């Protein structure tokens, strides 16, 4: 009896069945890879700013403390962007005629704020309080990475919920002495033992309920 279908039909059928099952898996892996990539998270991608402010120069080079500019970080939910008069404290004397700082001088003259580009911008349905974390012994570098080594500010972490929950579930892995919160170069000798002591001393709770952050 003559063949109804050519011999390669079986191969096409097997390939089709493989595609039906493998296609969704491949698509899932590709989409997951894109979702985790800097293209979406912007982790490691420097943000363009009106003035190319360098934390590396000001913090690592000049030794400025975070709180000199971010004055509200210890007692407010928001770590404020420094007003231009903070910049002009130094730059009215240093680099006072540098063209790159003209947006700062213009803002100082006119009172119109500089339109900085936010690096971290949580959704409106997420509540985050800087002061709570600082006063519980969570260092700047835990969330912001080695900010003192960044010529241009970039995201160090995507701040996804799973990333936040990892710290909330295991605070002993991240907590440090309060006096070391703003120390960019602090490294513990034994984080496991120290963390357990500090969790008890600072009365840190394992807050993982939804309403902790979603209010």
N, C-alpha and C. Protein backbone atom coordinates (compact mmCIF):
# COMPACT_ATOMS: atom_id res chain seq x y z
N UNK A 1 0.85 -1.19 0.00
CA UNK A 1 0.00 0.00 0.00
C UNK A 1 0.88 1.25 0.00
N UNK A 2 0.58 2.23 -0.82
CA UNK A 2 1.38 3.44 -0.93
C UNK A 2 1.28 4.27 0.35
N UNK A 3 2.37 4.96 0.67
CA UNK A 3 2.39 5.83 1.86
C UNK A 3 1.43 7.00 1.66
N UNK A 4 0.70 7.30 2.71
CA UNK A 4 -0.18 8.48 2.67
C UNK A 4 0.63 9.75 2.97
N UNK A 5 1.59 9.61 3.92
CA UNK A 5 2.42 10.75 4.30
C UNK A 5 3.88 10.43 4.01
N UNK A 6 4.66 11.40 3.66
CA UNK A 6 6.09 11.16 3.41
C UNK A 6 6.80 10.77 4.70
N UNK A 7 8.02 10.15 4.61
CA UNK A 7 8.74 9.66 5.80
C UNK A 7 9.05 10.73 6.85
N UNK A 8 9.29 11.98 6.39
CA UNK A 8 9.71 13.01 7.35
C UNK A 8 8.54 13.51 8.20
N UNK A 9 7.34 13.04 7.94
CA UNK A 9 6.18 13.51 8.71
C UNK A 9 6.30 13.14 10.18
N UNK A 10 6.84 11.94 10.45
CA UNK A 10 7.02 11.53 11.85
C UNK A 10 7.95 12.49 12.59
N UNK A 11 9.01 12.91 11.89
CA UNK A 11 9.95 13.85 12.50
C UNK A 11 9.27 15.17 12.80
N UNK A 12 8.46 15.64 11.84
CA UNK A 12 7.74 16.90 12.06
C UNK A 12 6.76 16.77 13.23
N UNK A 13 6.12 15.63 13.34
CA UNK A 13 5.18 15.42 14.43
C UNK A 13 5.89 15.45 15.78
N UNK A 14 7.05 14.77 15.85
CA UNK A 14 7.81 14.77 17.10
C UNK A 14 8.28 16.19 17.45
N UNK A 15 8.76 16.89 16.43
CA UNK A 15 9.22 18.26 16.67
C UNK A 15 8.07 19.14 17.13
N UNK A 16 6.89 18.94 16.55
CA UNK A 16 5.73 19.73 16.96
C UNK A 16 5.34 19.46 18.40
N UNK A 17 5.34 18.18 18.79
CA UNK A 17 5.01 17.83 20.17
C UNK A 17 6.05 18.40 21.14
N UNK A 18 7.31 18.34 20.74
CA UNK A 18 8.37 18.90 21.60
C UNK A 18 8.16 20.41 21.76
N UNK A 19 7.80 21.06 20.66
CA UNK A 19 7.58 22.50 20.74
C UNK A 19 6.41 22.88 21.62
N UNK A 20 5.36 22.04 21.59
CA UNK A 20 4.18 22.32 22.41
C UNK A 20 4.54 22.32 23.89
N UNK A 21 5.39 21.38 24.30
CA UNK A 21 5.75 21.27 25.71
C UNK A 21 6.95 22.15 26.08
N UNK A 22 7.92 22.21 25.17
CA UNK A 22 9.14 22.96 25.48
C UNK A 22 8.96 24.46 25.26
N UNK A 23 8.08 24.84 24.35
CA UNK A 23 7.90 26.26 24.03
C UNK A 23 7.57 27.12 25.24
N UNK A 24 6.55 26.74 26.02
CA UNK A 24 6.22 27.55 27.21
C UNK A 24 7.37 27.63 28.21
N UNK A 25 8.12 26.53 28.36
CA UNK A 25 9.25 26.54 29.29
C UNK A 25 10.33 27.50 28.81
N UNK A 26 10.66 27.43 27.53
CA UNK A 26 11.66 28.33 26.96
C UNK A 26 11.20 29.78 27.08
N UNK A 27 9.92 30.03 26.76
CA UNK A 27 9.38 31.38 26.86
C UNK A 27 9.46 31.90 28.29
N UNK A 28 9.14 31.02 29.26
CA UNK A 28 9.21 31.42 30.67
C UNK A 28 10.64 31.78 31.07
N UNK A 29 11.60 30.97 30.65
CA UNK A 29 13.00 31.22 31.00
C UNK A 29 13.49 32.52 30.36
N UNK A 30 13.10 32.75 29.12
CA UNK A 30 13.51 33.97 28.43
C UNK A 30 12.92 35.20 29.11
N UNK A 31 11.63 35.16 29.42
CA UNK A 31 10.97 36.29 30.07
C UNK A 31 11.52 36.53 31.47
N UNK A 32 11.83 35.43 32.18
CA UNK A 32 12.42 35.57 33.52
C UNK A 32 13.80 36.22 33.42
N UNK A 33 14.58 35.79 32.43
CA UNK A 33 15.91 36.39 32.24
C UNK A 33 15.82 37.87 31.93
N UNK A 34 14.85 38.25 31.10
CA UNK A 34 14.67 39.67 30.78
C UNK A 34 14.24 40.44 32.02
N UNK A 35 13.33 39.83 32.80
CA UNK A 35 12.82 40.50 33.99
C UNK A 35 13.92 40.73 35.02
N UNK A 36 14.90 39.82 35.09
CA UNK A 36 16.01 39.95 36.03
C UNK A 36 17.16 40.78 35.47
N UNK A 37 17.10 41.11 34.22
CA UNK A 37 18.21 41.79 33.56
C UNK A 37 18.24 43.28 33.92
N UNK A 38 19.41 43.92 33.80
CA UNK A 38 19.50 45.36 34.03
C UNK A 38 18.59 46.17 33.13
N UNK A 39 18.17 45.59 32.00
CA UNK A 39 17.27 46.29 31.09
C UNK A 39 15.96 46.64 31.80
N UNK A 40 15.52 45.76 32.70
CA UNK A 40 14.27 45.98 33.44
C UNK A 40 14.56 46.55 34.83
N UNK A 41 15.49 45.95 35.57
CA UNK A 41 15.75 46.35 36.95
C UNK A 41 16.58 47.63 37.04
N UNK A 42 17.35 47.92 36.01
CA UNK A 42 18.28 49.06 35.98
C UNK A 42 19.36 48.95 37.05
N UNK A 43 19.57 47.75 37.56
CA UNK A 43 20.64 47.53 38.52
C UNK A 43 21.99 47.66 37.81
N UNK A 44 22.86 48.49 38.38
CA UNK A 44 24.18 48.70 37.80
C UNK A 44 24.22 49.70 36.67
N UNK A 45 23.07 50.32 36.37
CA UNK A 45 23.01 51.28 35.27
C UNK A 45 23.04 52.69 35.85
N UNK A 46 24.10 53.47 35.61
CA UNK A 46 24.15 54.85 36.12
C UNK A 46 23.02 55.69 35.53
N UNK A 47 22.47 56.57 36.35
CA UNK A 47 21.38 57.42 35.90
C UNK A 47 21.93 58.80 35.52
N UNK A 48 21.47 59.31 34.40
CA UNK A 48 21.84 60.66 33.99
C UNK A 48 21.23 61.67 34.96
N UNK A 49 22.04 62.65 35.35
CA UNK A 49 21.60 63.67 36.29
C UNK A 49 21.91 65.06 35.73
N UNK A 50 21.20 66.08 36.20
CA UNK A 50 21.50 67.45 35.75
C UNK A 50 22.94 67.87 36.05
N UNK A 51 23.46 67.34 37.16
CA UNK A 51 24.85 67.55 37.55
C UNK A 51 25.44 66.18 37.87
N UNK A 52 26.58 65.82 37.29
CA UNK A 52 27.15 64.49 37.51
C UNK A 52 27.79 64.37 38.90
N UNK A 53 26.93 64.23 39.91
CA UNK A 53 27.42 64.14 41.28
C UNK A 53 28.11 62.80 41.52
N UNK A 54 29.29 62.85 42.12
CA UNK A 54 30.07 61.64 42.38
C UNK A 54 30.13 61.35 43.87
N UNK A 55 29.47 60.26 44.30
CA UNK A 55 29.62 59.83 45.68
C UNK A 55 31.05 59.37 45.95
N UNK A 56 31.67 58.79 44.95
CA UNK A 56 33.06 58.34 45.11
C UNK A 56 33.96 59.50 45.51
N UNK A 57 33.79 60.63 44.85
CA UNK A 57 34.62 61.80 45.14
C UNK A 57 34.29 62.39 46.51
N UNK A 58 33.00 62.57 46.79
CA UNK A 58 32.60 63.26 48.00
C UNK A 58 32.71 62.38 49.25
N UNK A 59 32.42 61.08 49.12
CA UNK A 59 32.42 60.21 50.30
C UNK A 59 33.79 59.55 50.49
N UNK A 60 34.23 58.79 49.50
CA UNK A 60 35.52 58.10 49.64
C UNK A 60 36.68 59.09 49.55
N UNK A 61 36.56 60.07 48.65
CA UNK A 61 37.67 61.00 48.46
C UNK A 61 37.76 62.07 49.54
N UNK A 62 36.64 62.74 49.81
CA UNK A 62 36.65 63.85 50.76
C UNK A 62 36.23 63.45 52.17
N UNK A 63 35.64 62.27 52.30
CA UNK A 63 35.27 61.79 53.63
C UNK A 63 33.98 62.36 54.19
N UNK A 64 33.08 62.84 53.32
CA UNK A 64 31.82 63.37 53.81
C UNK A 64 30.94 62.26 54.35
N UNK A 65 30.33 62.49 55.49
CA UNK A 65 29.38 61.55 56.08
C UNK A 65 28.05 61.64 55.33
N UNK A 66 27.37 60.52 55.21
CA UNK A 66 26.08 60.49 54.50
C UNK A 66 25.12 61.55 55.06
N UNK A 67 25.16 61.73 56.38
CA UNK A 67 24.20 62.60 57.04
C UNK A 67 24.47 64.09 56.79
N UNK A 68 25.63 64.42 56.25
CA UNK A 68 25.90 65.82 55.93
C UNK A 68 24.94 66.31 54.86
N UNK A 69 24.63 65.44 53.90
CA UNK A 69 23.70 65.79 52.82
C UNK A 69 22.30 65.26 53.08
N UNK A 70 22.22 63.99 53.51
CA UNK A 70 20.93 63.36 53.75
C UNK A 70 20.58 63.53 55.23
N UNK A 71 20.14 64.73 55.58
CA UNK A 71 20.03 65.12 56.98
C UNK A 71 18.87 64.47 57.71
N UNK A 72 17.89 63.95 57.00
CA UNK A 72 16.70 63.42 57.66
C UNK A 72 16.70 61.90 57.79
N UNK A 73 17.78 61.26 57.36
CA UNK A 73 17.76 59.80 57.26
C UNK A 73 17.61 59.10 58.61
N UNK A 74 17.98 59.77 59.70
CA UNK A 74 17.89 59.13 61.01
C UNK A 74 16.55 59.33 61.70
N UNK A 75 15.76 60.30 61.25
CA UNK A 75 14.51 60.59 61.97
C UNK A 75 13.31 60.78 61.05
N UNK A 76 13.43 60.35 59.79
CA UNK A 76 12.33 60.50 58.86
C UNK A 76 12.24 59.27 57.97
N UNK A 77 11.08 59.06 57.40
CA UNK A 77 10.92 57.94 56.47
C UNK A 77 11.67 58.18 55.18
N UNK A 78 11.95 59.45 54.88
CA UNK A 78 12.56 59.81 53.60
C UNK A 78 13.97 60.35 53.81
N UNK A 79 14.92 59.77 53.09
CA UNK A 79 16.29 60.30 53.12
C UNK A 79 16.35 61.45 52.12
N UNK A 80 16.26 62.66 52.62
CA UNK A 80 16.06 63.82 51.75
C UNK A 80 17.17 64.02 50.73
N UNK A 81 16.79 64.55 49.59
CA UNK A 81 17.78 65.02 48.62
C UNK A 81 18.28 66.36 49.14
N UNK A 82 19.57 66.56 49.25
CA UNK A 82 20.08 67.80 49.86
C UNK A 82 19.67 69.04 49.08
N UNK A 83 19.26 70.09 49.76
CA UNK A 83 18.96 71.36 49.08
C UNK A 83 20.23 71.99 48.55
N UNK A 84 20.08 72.90 47.58
CA UNK A 84 21.27 73.45 46.93
C UNK A 84 22.12 74.27 47.88
N UNK A 85 21.52 74.81 48.95
CA UNK A 85 22.36 75.59 49.85
C UNK A 85 23.37 74.70 50.56
N UNK A 86 23.07 73.39 50.68
CA UNK A 86 24.06 72.45 51.22
C UNK A 86 25.24 72.34 50.26
N UNK A 87 24.94 72.22 48.97
CA UNK A 87 26.01 72.17 47.96
C UNK A 87 26.83 73.45 47.98
N UNK A 88 26.13 74.59 48.10
CA UNK A 88 26.81 75.88 48.02
C UNK A 88 27.62 76.19 49.27
N UNK A 89 27.42 75.43 50.33
CA UNK A 89 28.26 75.61 51.51
C UNK A 89 29.73 75.49 51.13
N UNK A 90 30.02 74.52 50.25
CA UNK A 90 31.39 74.35 49.76
C UNK A 90 31.60 75.05 48.43
N UNK A 91 30.64 74.92 47.53
CA UNK A 91 30.87 75.34 46.15
C UNK A 91 30.69 76.84 45.92
N UNK A 92 30.41 77.59 46.97
CA UNK A 92 30.52 79.04 46.86
C UNK A 92 31.98 79.47 46.95
N UNK A 93 32.84 78.51 47.40
CA UNK A 93 34.26 78.77 47.53
C UNK A 93 35.10 77.86 46.64
N UNK A 94 34.64 76.63 46.44
CA UNK A 94 35.40 75.63 45.69
C UNK A 94 34.68 75.34 44.38
N UNK A 95 35.41 75.40 43.27
CA UNK A 95 34.83 75.18 41.94
C UNK A 95 33.64 76.11 41.73
N UNK A 96 33.72 77.31 42.27
CA UNK A 96 32.57 78.21 42.26
C UNK A 96 32.21 78.72 40.87
N UNK A 97 33.12 78.58 39.90
CA UNK A 97 32.82 79.03 38.54
C UNK A 97 32.80 77.87 37.54
N UNK A 98 32.83 76.65 38.01
CA UNK A 98 32.85 75.49 37.12
C UNK A 98 31.55 75.41 36.32
N UNK A 99 31.64 75.32 34.99
CA UNK A 99 30.42 75.24 34.18
C UNK A 99 29.51 74.08 34.55
N UNK A 100 30.10 72.95 34.97
CA UNK A 100 29.30 71.77 35.28
C UNK A 100 28.37 72.01 36.47
N UNK A 101 28.70 73.00 37.31
CA UNK A 101 27.89 73.29 38.49
C UNK A 101 26.90 74.43 38.28
N UNK A 102 26.77 74.91 37.05
CA UNK A 102 25.85 76.01 36.78
C UNK A 102 24.41 75.69 37.18
N UNK A 103 23.89 74.45 36.96
CA UNK A 103 22.52 74.16 37.43
C UNK A 103 22.35 74.37 38.94
N UNK A 104 23.40 74.10 39.71
CA UNK A 104 23.33 74.31 41.16
C UNK A 104 23.28 75.81 41.46
N UNK A 105 24.15 76.57 40.82
CA UNK A 105 24.17 78.02 41.06
C UNK A 105 22.87 78.67 40.62
N UNK A 106 22.34 78.22 39.47
CA UNK A 106 21.07 78.79 39.00
C UNK A 106 19.93 78.50 39.97
N UNK A 107 19.90 77.27 40.49
CA UNK A 107 18.88 76.92 41.46
C UNK A 107 19.02 77.76 42.73
N UNK A 108 20.26 78.01 43.13
CA UNK A 108 20.51 78.81 44.32
C UNK A 108 20.05 80.26 44.11
N UNK A 109 20.26 80.77 42.89
CA UNK A 109 19.86 82.15 42.58
C UNK A 109 18.35 82.30 42.47
N UNK A 110 17.70 81.33 41.85
CA UNK A 110 16.29 81.47 41.51
C UNK A 110 15.34 80.82 42.51
N UNK A 111 15.86 79.87 43.30
CA UNK A 111 15.00 79.15 44.22
C UNK A 111 14.23 78.01 43.57
N UNK A 112 14.49 77.74 42.29
CA UNK A 112 13.84 76.63 41.58
C UNK A 112 14.67 75.37 41.80
N UNK A 113 14.07 74.33 42.38
CA UNK A 113 14.85 73.13 42.70
C UNK A 113 15.44 72.45 41.46
N UNK A 114 16.59 71.83 41.64
CA UNK A 114 17.19 71.02 40.58
C UNK A 114 16.34 69.76 40.41
N UNK A 115 16.06 69.40 39.18
CA UNK A 115 15.23 68.23 38.91
C UNK A 115 16.12 66.99 38.79
N UNK A 116 16.46 66.42 39.95
CA UNK A 116 17.28 65.22 39.98
C UNK A 116 16.47 64.02 39.50
N UNK A 117 17.15 63.05 38.92
CA UNK A 117 16.52 61.80 38.50
C UNK A 117 16.61 60.80 39.63
N UNK A 118 15.46 60.29 40.06
CA UNK A 118 15.45 59.34 41.17
C UNK A 118 16.11 58.04 40.74
N UNK A 119 16.91 57.49 41.63
CA UNK A 119 17.58 56.22 41.37
C UNK A 119 16.73 55.07 41.91
N UNK A 120 16.21 55.26 43.11
CA UNK A 120 15.31 54.27 43.71
C UNK A 120 13.93 54.90 43.83
N UNK A 121 12.93 54.25 43.28
CA UNK A 121 11.58 54.79 43.30
C UNK A 121 10.60 53.64 43.54
N UNK A 122 10.22 53.45 44.80
CA UNK A 122 9.31 52.37 45.16
C UNK A 122 7.89 52.70 44.69
N UNK A 123 7.09 51.68 44.40
CA UNK A 123 5.69 51.92 44.04
C UNK A 123 4.94 52.61 45.18
N UNK A 124 3.85 53.27 44.84
CA UNK A 124 3.07 53.99 45.85
C UNK A 124 2.46 53.06 46.90
N UNK A 125 2.30 51.78 46.56
CA UNK A 125 1.68 50.86 47.52
C UNK A 125 2.70 50.22 48.45
N UNK A 126 3.95 50.68 48.41
CA UNK A 126 5.00 50.16 49.29
C UNK A 126 5.45 51.25 50.24
N UNK A 127 5.43 50.96 51.53
CA UNK A 127 5.88 51.91 52.54
C UNK A 127 7.26 51.50 53.03
N UNK A 128 8.18 52.45 53.01
CA UNK A 128 9.54 52.18 53.51
C UNK A 128 9.97 53.35 54.38
N UNK A 129 10.52 53.04 55.53
CA UNK A 129 10.95 54.07 56.47
C UNK A 129 12.45 53.96 56.69
N UNK A 130 13.19 54.97 56.24
CA UNK A 130 14.64 54.96 56.40
C UNK A 130 15.05 54.96 57.87
N UNK A 131 14.39 55.78 58.68
CA UNK A 131 14.83 55.95 60.06
C UNK A 131 14.73 54.64 60.85
N UNK A 132 13.67 53.85 60.60
CA UNK A 132 13.52 52.58 61.31
C UNK A 132 14.71 51.67 61.01
N UNK A 133 15.06 51.58 59.74
CA UNK A 133 16.15 50.68 59.34
C UNK A 133 17.50 51.17 59.88
N UNK A 134 17.72 52.47 59.81
CA UNK A 134 18.98 53.03 60.31
C UNK A 134 19.11 52.79 61.81
N UNK A 135 18.03 53.06 62.55
CA UNK A 135 18.09 52.92 64.00
C UNK A 135 18.07 51.47 64.47
N UNK A 136 17.74 50.55 63.58
CA UNK A 136 17.81 49.13 63.90
C UNK A 136 19.15 48.52 63.46
N UNK A 137 20.04 49.34 62.91
CA UNK A 137 21.38 48.85 62.59
C UNK A 137 21.55 48.29 61.19
N UNK A 138 20.77 48.78 60.25
CA UNK A 138 20.94 48.36 58.86
C UNK A 138 21.77 49.42 58.14
N UNK A 139 22.92 49.03 57.65
CA UNK A 139 23.85 49.97 57.04
C UNK A 139 23.41 50.44 55.66
N UNK A 140 23.91 51.59 55.27
CA UNK A 140 23.60 52.15 53.95
C UNK A 140 23.97 51.17 52.83
N UNK A 141 25.12 50.51 52.97
CA UNK A 141 25.60 49.65 51.89
C UNK A 141 24.74 48.40 51.73
N UNK A 142 23.96 48.05 52.77
CA UNK A 142 23.11 46.86 52.66
C UNK A 142 22.12 47.01 51.53
N UNK A 143 21.55 48.19 51.39
CA UNK A 143 20.57 48.44 50.32
C UNK A 143 21.20 49.16 49.12
N UNK A 144 22.07 50.11 49.39
CA UNK A 144 22.59 50.97 48.32
C UNK A 144 23.91 50.48 47.74
N UNK A 145 24.45 49.39 48.30
CA UNK A 145 25.71 48.88 47.77
C UNK A 145 26.87 49.80 48.11
N UNK A 146 28.02 49.59 47.48
CA UNK A 146 29.21 50.41 47.77
C UNK A 146 29.07 51.80 47.16
N UNK A 147 28.17 52.59 47.72
CA UNK A 147 27.85 53.90 47.17
C UNK A 147 29.07 54.81 47.15
N UNK A 148 29.99 54.58 48.08
CA UNK A 148 31.19 55.42 48.14
C UNK A 148 32.16 55.14 46.99
N UNK A 149 31.89 54.11 46.21
CA UNK A 149 32.74 53.78 45.06
C UNK A 149 32.05 54.07 43.73
N UNK A 150 30.96 54.82 43.77
CA UNK A 150 30.19 55.09 42.55
C UNK A 150 30.45 56.51 42.04
N UNK A 151 31.15 56.63 40.91
CA UNK A 151 31.31 57.96 40.30
C UNK A 151 29.96 58.55 39.89
N UNK A 152 29.07 57.70 39.41
CA UNK A 152 27.69 58.09 39.12
C UNK A 152 26.77 57.11 39.85
N UNK A 153 25.75 57.63 40.48
CA UNK A 153 24.90 56.79 41.31
C UNK A 153 24.09 55.81 40.47
N UNK A 154 24.06 54.58 40.91
CA UNK A 154 23.32 53.53 40.22
C UNK A 154 22.65 52.63 41.25
N UNK A 155 21.65 51.91 40.82
CA UNK A 155 21.00 50.96 41.70
C UNK A 155 21.93 49.78 41.97
N UNK A 156 21.97 49.37 43.24
CA UNK A 156 22.76 48.19 43.59
C UNK A 156 21.86 46.97 43.74
N UNK A 157 20.58 47.20 44.01
CA UNK A 157 19.62 46.10 44.20
C UNK A 157 18.29 46.47 43.58
N UNK A 158 17.52 45.48 43.13
CA UNK A 158 16.24 45.78 42.49
C UNK A 158 15.15 46.16 43.48
N UNK A 159 15.37 45.89 44.77
CA UNK A 159 14.38 46.15 45.81
C UNK A 159 13.08 45.40 45.58
N UNK A 160 13.18 44.20 45.03
CA UNK A 160 12.00 43.36 44.89
C UNK A 160 11.56 42.85 46.26
N UNK A 161 10.31 42.47 46.36
CA UNK A 161 9.75 42.02 47.63
C UNK A 161 10.53 40.83 48.19
N UNK A 162 10.91 39.90 47.33
CA UNK A 162 11.65 38.73 47.79
C UNK A 162 12.99 39.14 48.40
N UNK A 163 13.59 40.18 47.85
CA UNK A 163 14.87 40.67 48.37
C UNK A 163 14.68 41.30 49.74
N UNK A 164 13.61 42.08 49.90
CA UNK A 164 13.32 42.70 51.20
C UNK A 164 12.99 41.63 52.24
N UNK A 165 12.18 40.64 51.84
CA UNK A 165 11.76 39.60 52.78
C UNK A 165 12.94 38.77 53.27
N UNK A 166 13.95 38.61 52.44
CA UNK A 166 15.12 37.85 52.88
C UNK A 166 15.76 38.49 54.09
N UNK A 167 15.82 39.81 54.10
CA UNK A 167 16.39 40.53 55.25
C UNK A 167 15.43 40.49 56.44
N UNK A 168 14.13 40.63 56.18
CA UNK A 168 13.16 40.61 57.27
C UNK A 168 13.09 39.24 57.94
N UNK A 169 13.34 38.20 57.17
CA UNK A 169 13.31 36.85 57.73
C UNK A 169 14.62 36.50 58.45
N UNK A 170 15.71 37.08 57.99
CA UNK A 170 17.03 36.75 58.56
C UNK A 170 17.81 38.02 58.89
N UNK A 171 17.29 38.88 59.75
CA UNK A 171 17.97 40.15 60.05
C UNK A 171 19.35 39.97 60.64
N UNK A 172 19.59 38.84 61.30
CA UNK A 172 20.90 38.61 61.92
C UNK A 172 22.02 38.55 60.87
N UNK A 173 21.68 38.31 59.63
CA UNK A 173 22.69 38.25 58.58
C UNK A 173 23.12 39.64 58.10
N UNK A 174 22.36 40.67 58.48
CA UNK A 174 22.60 41.99 57.91
C UNK A 174 22.81 43.09 58.94
N UNK A 175 22.29 42.91 60.15
CA UNK A 175 22.37 43.97 61.15
C UNK A 175 23.82 44.23 61.56
N UNK A 176 24.09 45.49 61.88
CA UNK A 176 25.42 45.89 62.33
C UNK A 176 25.26 46.86 63.49
N UNK A 177 26.33 47.16 64.23
CA UNK A 177 26.22 48.15 65.32
C UNK A 177 25.75 49.49 64.77
N UNK A 178 24.96 50.20 65.54
CA UNK A 178 24.41 51.47 65.07
C UNK A 178 25.51 52.45 64.69
N UNK A 179 26.61 52.40 65.43
CA UNK A 179 27.71 53.34 65.13
C UNK A 179 28.41 53.02 63.81
N UNK A 180 28.10 51.85 63.22
CA UNK A 180 28.73 51.47 61.95
C UNK A 180 27.78 51.58 60.77
N UNK A 181 26.58 52.08 61.00
CA UNK A 181 25.57 52.16 59.93
C UNK A 181 26.08 52.97 58.74
N UNK A 182 26.78 54.06 59.02
CA UNK A 182 27.24 54.95 57.95
C UNK A 182 28.71 54.72 57.58
N UNK A 183 29.28 53.66 58.12
CA UNK A 183 30.67 53.32 57.83
C UNK A 183 30.71 52.42 56.59
N UNK A 184 31.23 52.95 55.50
CA UNK A 184 31.24 52.22 54.24
C UNK A 184 32.22 51.03 54.26
N UNK A 185 33.18 51.08 55.16
CA UNK A 185 34.25 50.06 55.15
C UNK A 185 34.15 49.08 56.31
N UNK A 186 33.04 49.08 57.02
CA UNK A 186 32.90 48.20 58.18
C UNK A 186 32.65 46.76 57.74
N UNK A 187 33.39 45.84 58.34
CA UNK A 187 33.21 44.42 58.05
C UNK A 187 33.28 43.66 59.38
N UNK A 188 32.29 42.80 59.66
CA UNK A 188 32.29 42.06 60.94
C UNK A 188 33.28 40.90 60.91
N UNK A 189 33.77 40.56 62.08
CA UNK A 189 34.64 39.38 62.19
C UNK A 189 33.80 38.10 62.22
N UNK A 190 32.64 38.18 62.86
CA UNK A 190 31.75 37.02 62.96
C UNK A 190 30.31 37.52 62.91
N UNK A 191 29.78 37.66 61.70
CA UNK A 191 28.44 38.22 61.54
C UNK A 191 27.38 37.36 62.22
N UNK A 192 27.55 36.05 62.20
CA UNK A 192 26.56 35.16 62.78
C UNK A 192 26.37 35.42 64.27
N UNK A 193 27.47 35.44 65.00
CA UNK A 193 27.38 35.67 66.45
C UNK A 193 26.97 37.10 66.76
N UNK A 194 27.58 38.06 66.05
CA UNK A 194 27.26 39.47 66.29
C UNK A 194 25.80 39.76 65.95
N UNK A 195 25.35 39.22 64.82
CA UNK A 195 23.99 39.48 64.39
C UNK A 195 22.96 39.01 65.39
N UNK A 196 23.16 37.84 65.95
CA UNK A 196 22.21 37.31 66.94
C UNK A 196 22.17 38.20 68.18
N UNK A 197 23.33 38.69 68.61
CA UNK A 197 23.36 39.58 69.78
C UNK A 197 22.64 40.89 69.49
N UNK A 198 22.88 41.45 68.31
CA UNK A 198 22.28 42.75 67.98
C UNK A 198 20.78 42.64 67.75
N UNK A 199 20.33 41.54 67.17
CA UNK A 199 18.89 41.34 66.99
C UNK A 199 18.19 41.38 68.35
N UNK A 200 18.80 40.76 69.34
CA UNK A 200 18.22 40.78 70.69
C UNK A 200 18.35 42.15 71.33
N UNK A 201 19.52 42.78 71.19
CA UNK A 201 19.77 44.07 71.83
C UNK A 201 18.90 45.18 71.23
N UNK A 202 18.68 45.14 69.92
CA UNK A 202 17.91 46.18 69.25
C UNK A 202 16.43 45.82 69.13
N UNK A 203 16.03 44.69 69.71
CA UNK A 203 14.63 44.24 69.69
C UNK A 203 14.09 44.20 68.26
N UNK A 204 14.85 43.57 67.39
CA UNK A 204 14.46 43.45 65.98
C UNK A 204 13.50 42.27 65.82
N UNK A 205 12.36 42.54 65.23
CA UNK A 205 11.36 41.49 65.01
C UNK A 205 11.42 41.01 63.56
N UNK A 206 10.97 39.80 63.35
CA UNK A 206 10.91 39.23 62.01
C UNK A 206 9.57 39.61 61.39
N UNK A 207 9.50 40.82 60.87
CA UNK A 207 8.23 41.35 60.35
C UNK A 207 8.05 40.93 58.89
N UNK A 208 7.15 40.00 58.68
CA UNK A 208 6.89 39.52 57.32
C UNK A 208 5.42 39.60 56.93
N UNK A 209 4.60 40.21 57.81
CA UNK A 209 3.18 40.37 57.46
C UNK A 209 3.03 41.39 56.34
N UNK A 210 2.01 41.22 55.53
CA UNK A 210 1.81 42.10 54.37
C UNK A 210 1.70 43.56 54.80
N UNK A 211 0.97 43.81 55.91
CA UNK A 211 0.70 45.19 56.29
C UNK A 211 1.93 45.92 56.82
N UNK A 212 3.04 45.21 57.03
CA UNK A 212 4.27 45.88 57.43
C UNK A 212 4.72 46.91 56.39
N UNK A 213 4.60 46.54 55.14
CA UNK A 213 5.05 47.42 54.05
C UNK A 213 3.89 47.92 53.19
N UNK A 214 2.81 47.18 53.13
CA UNK A 214 1.68 47.56 52.28
C UNK A 214 0.58 48.13 53.17
N UNK A 215 0.57 49.46 53.26
CA UNK A 215 -0.37 50.12 54.20
C UNK A 215 -1.39 50.96 53.43
